[in-house]
Amino acid sequence: KGNITIFKDEGTPAIICETIADTGIRSQDALLVYYAGHGFMHGSKSSELLLSMKETTAKYAEQNSLRYSWLKEASTISEDVAAYYDDWAEKYNDDLKSWEYQAPVEAATLLKKFMPESGKILDAGCGTGLTGNALKGMGYKDITGIDISEKSILLAQKTGAYSRLKQFDLQKQPFPFKKSEFDAVNCIGVLTYIKDPKSLFKEFCRIVRPSGYIVFSHREDLLK
């Protein structure tokens, strides 16, 4: 439905395609949407990366079953998610580095193939700034970040990657942005905690300009 072009990996669950198509957005000329399973934006080596992420997830689920048990729960209660990430904020970057988490860099690399450095980007669910840092590394300068975790936002501010930062719950729409305000939205490692993804994607489509881009990831295991 609508004029949405979906570039998807071979293993993209049908539910993702249906969710985007069901938004019914018709005002966009060619909204690029790219899906990645298990938190990785992946290209030619998708199978290898997916296998690596599965092994990494299994290893940390076993070694940290108590500390990270809430990750398996995938709560969509905003207050819980904010509390989880506030508590995790100081150790978040180090933990994800040890997990060899590549989604922010791969997502930024993907966007760079399509959009010039002058583009205006919303990092939706920016966390501690991993995605913002990756985008900054690609030469992007106009990056706005929003996240539900206050402590994560404070850490994101220290990266120097963002022109604007705001604590905001992505489940509360509309966002405090104008129609077609952004050239792109990056939403990496966030959809797990969203109760109504259709509503969120409609909002993304509202704030991204026609022919703009949405880059996102989702945990494949939670779509089965």
C-alpha atoms as a PDB file:
ATOM      1  CA  LYS A   1       0.000   0.000   0.000  1.00  0.00           C
ATOM      2  CA  GLY A   2       1.149   3.526  -0.588  1.00  0.00           C
ATOM      3  CA  ASN A   3       4.376   4.452  -2.320  1.00  0.00           C
ATOM      4  CA  ILE A   4       6.741   2.786   0.124  1.00  0.00           C
ATOM      5  CA  THR A   5       9.747   0.939  -1.225  1.00  0.00           C
ATOM      6  CA  ILE A   6      10.977  -1.782   1.112  1.00  0.00           C
ATOM      7  CA  PHE A   7      14.532  -3.032   0.736  1.00  0.00           C
ATOM      8  CA  LYS A   8      14.686  -6.126   2.888  1.00  0.00           C
ATOM      9  CA  ASP A   9      17.029  -8.915   3.764  1.00  0.00           C
ATOM     10  CA  GLU A  10      16.107 -12.397   2.567  1.00  0.00           C
ATOM     11  CA  GLY A  11      14.993 -13.458   6.029  1.00  0.00           C
ATOM     12  CA  THR A  12      12.727 -10.517   6.767  1.00  0.00           C
ATOM     13  CA  PRO A  13       9.599 -11.806   8.549  1.00  0.00           C
ATOM     14  CA  ALA A  14       6.394 -11.048   6.673  1.00  0.00           C
ATOM     15  CA  ILE A  15       4.998  -9.263   9.732  1.00  0.00           C
ATOM     16  CA  ILE A  16       7.496  -6.415   9.248  1.00  0.00           C
ATOM     17  CA  CYS A  17       6.510  -5.922   5.616  1.00  0.00           C
ATOM     18  CA  GLU A  18       2.831  -6.070   6.524  1.00  0.00           C
ATOM     19  CA  THR A  19       3.270  -3.621   9.387  1.00  0.00           C
ATOM     20  CA  ILE A  20       4.891  -1.037   7.123  1.00  0.00           C
ATOM     21  CA  ALA A  21       2.475  -1.592   4.256  1.00  0.00           C
ATOM     22  CA  ASP A  22      -0.517  -1.331   6.579  1.00  0.00           C
ATOM     23  CA  THR A  23       0.467   2.193   7.574  1.00  0.00           C
ATOM     24  CA  GLY A  24      -1.171   3.188   4.299  1.00  0.00           C
ATOM     25  CA  ILE A  25       1.125   6.162   3.834  1.00  0.00           C
ATOM     26  CA  ARG A  26       0.549   7.631   0.378  1.00  0.00           C
ATOM     27  CA  SER A  27       2.146  11.067   0.669  1.00  0.00           C
ATOM     28  CA  GLN A  28       5.694   9.752   0.447  1.00  0.00           C
ATOM     29  CA  ASP A  29       7.304   9.323  -2.969  1.00  0.00           C
ATOM     30  CA  ALA A  30       9.786   6.612  -2.090  1.00  0.00           C
ATOM     31  CA  LEU A  31      10.364   5.917   1.544  1.00  0.00           C
ATOM     32  CA  LEU A  32      13.273   3.526   1.891  1.00  0.00           C
ATOM     33  CA  VAL A  33      12.892   1.016   4.700  1.00  0.00           C
ATOM     34  CA  TYR A  34      15.600  -1.509   5.541  1.00  0.00           C
ATOM     35  CA  TYR A  35      15.158  -4.334   7.990  1.00  0.00           C
ATOM     36  CA  ALA A  36      17.797  -6.228   9.912  1.00  0.00           C
ATOM     37  CA  GLY A  37      17.336  -9.162  12.241  1.00  0.00           C
ATOM     38  CA  HIS A  38      18.898  -9.640  15.661  1.00  0.00           C
ATOM     39  CA  GLY A  39      20.144  -6.065  15.958  1.00  0.00           C
ATOM     40  CA  PHE A  40      22.506  -6.160  12.978  1.00  0.00           C
ATOM     41  CA  MET A  41      22.175  -4.104   9.838  1.00  0.00           C
ATOM     42  CA  HIS A  42      23.720  -6.548   7.432  1.00  0.00           C
ATOM     43  CA  GLY A  43      24.720  -6.693   3.799  1.00  0.00           C
ATOM     44  CA  SER A  44      26.539  -9.338   1.807  1.00  0.00           C
ATOM     45  CA  LYS A  45      27.622 -11.291   4.862  1.00  0.00           C
ATOM     46  CA  SER A  46      24.196 -11.371   6.497  1.00  0.00           C
ATOM     47  CA  SER A  47      24.201 -15.096   7.251  1.00  0.00           C
ATOM     48  CA  GLU A  48      27.573 -14.939   8.975  1.00  0.00           C
ATOM     49  CA  LEU A  49      26.592 -11.919  11.056  1.00  0.00           C
ATOM     50  CA  LEU A  50      23.241 -13.430  11.979  1.00  0.00           C
ATOM     51  CA  LEU A  51      24.919 -16.639  13.125  1.00  0.00           C
ATOM     52  CA  SER A  52      27.457 -14.620  15.106  1.00  0.00           C
ATOM     53  CA  MET A  53      24.721 -12.637  16.823  1.00  0.00           C
ATOM     54  CA  LYS A  54      22.777 -15.791  17.696  1.00  0.00           C
ATOM     55  CA  GLU A  55      25.894 -17.299  19.261  1.00  0.00           C
ATOM     56  CA  THR A  56      26.664 -14.080  21.128  1.00  0.00           C
ATOM     57  CA  THR A  57      23.087 -13.796  22.389  1.00  0.00           C
ATOM     58  CA  ALA A  58      23.122 -17.398  23.587  1.00  0.00           C
ATOM     59  CA  LYS A  59      26.442 -16.926  25.365  1.00  0.00           C
ATOM     60  CA  TYR A  60      25.338 -13.827  27.247  1.00  0.00           C
ATOM     61  CA  ALA A  61      21.933 -15.256  28.041  1.00  0.00           C
ATOM     62  CA  GLU A  62      23.748 -18.109  29.760  1.00  0.00           C
ATOM     63  CA  GLN A  63      26.449 -16.068  31.490  1.00  0.00           C
ATOM     64  CA  ASN A  64      24.215 -13.185  32.561  1.00  0.00           C
ATOM     65  CA  SER A  65      20.831 -14.844  32.959  1.00  0.00           C
ATOM     66  CA  LEU A  66      19.928 -12.838  36.049  1.00  0.00           C
ATOM     67  CA  ARG A  67      21.445  -9.459  35.218  1.00  0.00           C
ATOM     68  CA  TYR A  68      19.962  -9.293  31.710  1.00  0.00           C
ATOM     69  CA  SER A  69      16.824 -11.359  32.214  1.00  0.00           C
ATOM     70  CA  TRP A  70      14.686  -8.296  31.479  1.00  0.00           C
ATOM     71  CA  LEU A  71      16.051  -8.223  27.911  1.00  0.00           C
ATOM     72  CA  LYS A  72      14.283 -11.514  27.261  1.00  0.00           C
ATOM     73  CA  GLU A  73      11.055 -10.136  28.681  1.00  0.00           C
ATOM     74  CA  ALA A  74      11.006  -7.324  26.103  1.00  0.00           C
ATOM     75  CA  SER A  75       8.662  -5.155  28.158  1.00  0.00           C
ATOM     76  CA  THR A  76       6.658  -2.488  26.347  1.00  0.00           C
ATOM     77  CA  ILE A  77       5.850  -0.659  29.589  1.00  0.00           C
ATOM     78  CA  SER A  78       7.592   2.676  29.202  1.00  0.00           C
ATOM     79  CA  GLU A  79       8.324   3.172  32.886  1.00  0.00           C
ATOM     80  CA  ASP A  80      10.026  -0.215  33.081  1.00  0.00           C
ATOM     81  CA  VAL A  81      12.126   0.394  29.979  1.00  0.00           C
ATOM     82  CA  ALA A  82      13.250   3.792  31.284  1.00  0.00           C
ATOM     83  CA  ALA A  83      14.256   2.257  34.608  1.00  0.00           C
ATOM     84  CA  TYR A  84      16.120  -0.630  32.935  1.00  0.00           C
ATOM     85  CA  TYR A  85      18.190   1.664  30.739  1.00  0.00           C
ATOM     86  CA  ASP A  86      18.825   4.246  33.445  1.00  0.00           C
ATOM     87  CA  ASP A  87      20.266   1.444  35.539  1.00  0.00           C
ATOM     88  CA  TRP A  88      22.300   0.076  32.607  1.00  0.00           C
ATOM     89  CA  ALA A  89      23.493   3.399  31.178  1.00  0.00           C
ATOM     90  CA  GLU A  90      26.980   3.569  32.740  1.00  0.00           C
ATOM     91  CA  LYS A  91      27.897   0.034  31.653  1.00  0.00           C
ATOM     92  CA  TYR A  92      25.929  -0.041  28.403  1.00  0.00           C
ATOM     93  CA  ASN A  93      28.690   0.926  25.964  1.00  0.00           C
ATOM     94  CA  ASP A  94      31.211  -1.460  27.489  1.00  0.00           C
ATOM     95  CA  ASP A  95      28.717  -4.322  27.544  1.00  0.00           C
ATOM     96  CA  LEU A  96      27.719  -3.882  23.913  1.00  0.00           C
ATOM     97  CA  LYS A  97      31.349  -3.597  22.859  1.00  0.00           C
ATOM     98  CA  SER A  98      32.042  -6.937  24.549  1.00  0.00           C
ATOM     99  CA  TRP A  99      29.019  -8.383  22.705  1.00  0.00           C
ATOM    100  CA  GLU A 100      30.527  -7.209  19.395  1.00  0.00           C
ATOM    101  CA  TYR A 101      27.311  -5.324  18.641  1.00  0.00           C
ATOM    102  CA  GLN A 102      27.673  -3.761  15.167  1.00  0.00           C
ATOM    103  CA  ALA A 103      24.194  -2.405  14.424  1.00  0.00           C
ATOM    104  CA  PRO A 104      24.948   1.336  14.887  1.00  0.00           C
ATOM    105  CA  VAL A 105      27.966   1.288  12.565  1.00  0.00           C
ATOM    106  CA  GLU A 106      26.311  -0.920   9.967  1.00  0.00           C
ATOM    107  CA  ALA A 107      23.182   1.245   9.980  1.00  0.00           C
ATOM    108  CA  ALA A 108      25.211   4.428   9.525  1.00  0.00           C
ATOM    109  CA  THR A 109      27.191   2.811   6.727  1.00  0.00           C
ATOM    110  CA  LEU A 110      23.965   1.818   4.993  1.00  0.00           C
ATOM    111  CA  LEU A 111      22.485   5.313   5.238  1.00  0.00           C
ATOM    112  CA  LYS A 112      25.686   6.873   3.870  1.00  0.00           C
ATOM    113  CA  LYS A 113      25.130   4.943   0.614  1.00  0.00           C
ATOM    114  CA  PHE A 114      21.908   6.852   0.011  1.00  0.00           C
ATOM    115  CA  MET A 115      22.044  10.213   1.788  1.00  0.00           C
ATOM    116  CA  PRO A 116      24.610  13.052   1.655  1.00  0.00           C
ATOM    117  CA  GLU A 117      26.321  14.342   4.777  1.00  0.00           C
ATOM    118  CA  SER A 118      24.126  17.452   4.722  1.00  0.00           C
ATOM    119  CA  GLY A 119      21.091  15.340   5.633  1.00  0.00           C
ATOM    120  CA  LYS A 120      19.094  15.987   8.786  1.00  0.00           C
ATOM    121  CA  ILE A 121      18.688  12.847  10.909  1.00  0.00           C
ATOM    122  CA  LEU A 122      16.544  11.796  13.866  1.00  0.00           C
ATOM    123  CA  ASP A 123      18.154   9.113  16.031  1.00  0.00           C
ATOM    124  CA  ALA A 124      14.981   7.651  17.534  1.00  0.00           C
ATOM    125  CA  GLY A 125      15.956   5.822  20.712  1.00  0.00           C
ATOM    126  CA  CYS A 126      19.470   7.249  20.726  1.00  0.00           C
ATOM    127  CA  GLY A 127      20.438   5.722  24.062  1.00  0.00           C
ATOM    128  CA  THR A 128      24.000   6.571  25.097  1.00  0.00           C
ATOM    129  CA  GLY A 129      24.881   7.782  21.611  1.00  0.00           C
ATOM    130  CA  LEU A 130      26.302   4.745  19.819  1.00  0.00           C
ATOM    131  CA  THR A 131      24.287   5.403  16.666  1.00  0.00           C
ATOM    132  CA  GLY A 132      24.951   9.138  16.836  1.00  0.00           C
ATOM    133  CA  ASN A 133      28.671   8.505  17.116  1.00  0.00           C
ATOM    134  CA  ALA A 134      28.548   6.180  14.129  1.00  0.00           C
ATOM    135  CA  LEU A 135      26.662   8.775  12.078  1.00  0.00           C
ATOM    136  CA  LYS A 136      29.122  11.446  13.158  1.00  0.00           C
ATOM    137  CA  GLY A 137      31.911   9.197  11.976  1.00  0.00           C
ATOM    138  CA  MET A 138      30.249   9.109   8.550  1.00  0.00           C
ATOM    139  CA  GLY A 139      30.350  12.900   8.378  1.00  0.00           C
ATOM    140  CA  TYR A 140      26.792  13.723   9.450  1.00  0.00           C
ATOM    141  CA  LYS A 141      26.474  16.828  11.615  1.00  0.00           C
ATOM    142  CA  ASP A 142      22.746  17.599  11.937  1.00  0.00           C
ATOM    143  CA  ILE A 143      21.606  14.807  14.252  1.00  0.00           C
ATOM    144  CA  THR A 144      18.739  15.003  16.740  1.00  0.00           C
ATOM    145  CA  GLY A 145      18.491  12.349  19.427  1.00  0.00           C
ATOM    146  CA  ILE A 146      15.506  11.309  21.537  1.00  0.00           C
ATOM    147  CA  ASP A 147      15.355   8.581  24.161  1.00  0.00           C
ATOM    148  CA  ILE A 148      13.262   7.555  27.155  1.00  0.00           C
ATOM    149  CA  SER A 149      16.275   7.126  29.467  1.00  0.00           C
ATOM    150  CA  GLU A 150      17.423  10.322  31.166  1.00  0.00           C
ATOM    151  CA  LYS A 151      20.789   8.884  32.182  1.00  0.00           C
ATOM    152  CA  SER A 152      21.426   7.608  28.659  1.00  0.00           C
ATOM    153  CA  ILE A 153      20.662  11.051  27.234  1.00  0.00           C
ATOM    154  CA  LEU A 154      23.249  12.615  29.550  1.00  0.00           C
ATOM    155  CA  LEU A 155      25.874  10.207  28.253  1.00  0.00           C
ATOM    156  CA  ALA A 156      24.816  10.801  24.650  1.00  0.00           C
ATOM    157  CA  GLN A 157      25.369  14.514  25.193  1.00  0.00           C
ATOM    158  CA  LYS A 158      29.020  13.870  26.027  1.00  0.00           C
ATOM    159  CA  THR A 159      29.655  12.322  22.604  1.00  0.00           C
ATOM    160  CA  GLY A 160      29.304  15.675  20.858  1.00  0.00           C
ATOM    161  CA  ALA A 161      27.469  13.910  18.028  1.00  0.00           C
ATOM    162  CA  TYR A 162      24.094  15.604  18.480  1.00  0.00           C
ATOM    163  CA  SER A 163      22.847  19.060  17.617  1.00  0.00           C
ATOM    164  CA  ARG A 164      19.755  18.432  19.773  1.00  0.00           C
ATOM    165  CA  LEU A 165      18.858  15.934  22.488  1.00  0.00           C
ATOM    166  CA  LYS A 166      15.545  15.410  24.224  1.00  0.00           C
ATOM    167  CA  GLN A 167      14.173  12.884  26.702  1.00  0.00           C
ATOM    168  CA  PHE A 168      11.042  11.516  25.073  1.00  0.00           C
ATOM    169  CA  ASP A 169       8.920   8.362  25.086  1.00  0.00           C
ATOM    170  CA  LEU A 170       8.612   7.021  21.521  1.00  0.00           C
ATOM    171  CA  GLN A 171       5.282   5.438  22.422  1.00  0.00           C
ATOM    172  CA  LYS A 172       3.758   8.893  22.865  1.00  0.00           C
ATOM    173  CA  GLN A 173       2.812  10.329  19.491  1.00  0.00           C
ATOM    174  CA  PRO A 174       2.865  12.753  17.838  1.00  0.00           C
ATOM    175  CA  PHE A 175       6.535  13.565  18.279  1.00  0.00           C
ATOM    176  CA  PRO A 176       7.490  17.204  18.931  1.00  0.00           C
ATOM    177  CA  PHE A 177       8.643  17.670  15.329  1.00  0.00           C
ATOM    178  CA  LYS A 178       7.147  19.164  12.187  1.00  0.00           C
ATOM    179  CA  LYS A 179       5.944  17.260   9.146  1.00  0.00           C
ATOM    180  CA  SER A 180       8.850  16.351   6.831  1.00  0.00           C
ATOM    181  CA  GLU A 181      11.342  17.856   9.285  1.00  0.00           C
ATOM    182  CA  PHE A 182      13.951  15.121   8.758  1.00  0.00           C
ATOM    183  CA  ASP A 183      15.671  13.542   5.793  1.00  0.00           C
ATOM    184  CA  ALA A 184      16.070  10.265   7.667  1.00  0.00           C
ATOM    185  CA  VAL A 185      15.244   8.380  10.838  1.00  0.00           C
ATOM    186  CA  ASN A 186      17.548   5.787  12.366  1.00  0.00           C
ATOM    187  CA  CYS A 187      15.828   3.520  14.891  1.00  0.00           C
ATOM    188  CA  ILE A 188      18.306   0.886  16.042  1.00  0.00           C
ATOM    189  CA  GLY A 189      17.664  -1.603  18.839  1.00  0.00           C
ATOM    190  CA  VAL A 190      14.407   0.059  19.837  1.00  0.00           C
ATOM    191  CA  LEU A 191      11.377  -1.696  18.320  1.00  0.00           C
ATOM    192  CA  THR A 192      11.554  -4.476  20.896  1.00  0.00           C
ATOM    193  CA  TYR A 193      10.013  -2.074  23.417  1.00  0.00           C
ATOM    194  CA  ILE A 194       7.283  -0.606  21.202  1.00  0.00           C
ATOM    195  CA  LYS A 195       3.744  -1.890  21.798  1.00  0.00           C
ATOM    196  CA  ASP A 196       2.235  -0.452  18.598  1.00  0.00           C
ATOM    197  CA  PRO A 197       4.847  -0.409  15.786  1.00  0.00           C
ATOM    198  CA  LYS A 198       2.258   0.576  13.174  1.00  0.00           C
ATOM    199  CA  SER A 199       1.591   3.824  14.987  1.00  0.00           C
ATOM    200  CA  LEU A 200       5.313   4.479  15.360  1.00  0.00           C
ATOM    201  CA  PHE A 201       5.984   3.938  11.661  1.00  0.00           C
ATOM    202  CA  LYS A 202       3.134   6.253  10.749  1.00  0.00           C
ATOM    203  CA  GLU A 203       4.812   8.909  12.865  1.00  0.00           C
ATOM    204  CA  PHE A 204       8.177   8.225  11.253  1.00  0.00           C
ATOM    205  CA  CYS A 205       6.529   8.686   7.858  1.00  0.00           C
ATOM    206  CA  ARG A 206       5.046  12.001   8.990  1.00  0.00           C
ATOM    207  CA  ILE A 207       8.322  13.527  10.146  1.00  0.00           C
ATOM    208  CA  VAL A 208      10.494  12.186   7.298  1.00  0.00           C
ATOM    209  CA  ARG A 209      10.369  14.104   4.027  1.00  0.00           C
ATOM    210  CA  PRO A 210       9.130  12.517   0.781  1.00  0.00           C
ATOM    211  CA  SER A 211      11.915  10.359  -0.690  1.00  0.00           C
ATOM    212  CA  GLY A 212      13.521  10.235   2.746  1.00  0.00           C
ATOM    213  CA  TYR A 213      14.833   7.199   4.604  1.00  0.00           C
ATOM    214  CA  ILE A 214      14.011   5.047   7.603  1.00  0.00           C
ATOM    215  CA  VAL A 215      16.678   2.624   8.823  1.00  0.00           C
ATOM    216  CA  PHE A 216      15.703   0.261  11.601  1.00  0.00           C
ATOM    217  CA  SER A 217      16.487  -3.053  13.255  1.00  0.00           C
ATOM    218  CA  HIS A 218      14.452  -5.598  15.177  1.00  0.00           C
ATOM    219  CA  ARG A 219      15.177  -8.726  17.178  1.00  0.00           C
ATOM    220  CA  GLU A 220      14.275 -11.593  14.903  1.00  0.00           C
ATOM    221  CA  ASP A 221      13.570 -13.950  17.787  1.00  0.00           C
ATOM    222  CA  LEU A 222      10.711 -11.728  18.983  1.00  0.00           C
ATOM    223  CA  LEU A 223       8.939 -11.839  15.626  1.00  0.00           C
ATOM    224  CA  LYS A 224       8.429 -15.590  15.600  1.00  0.00           C
END
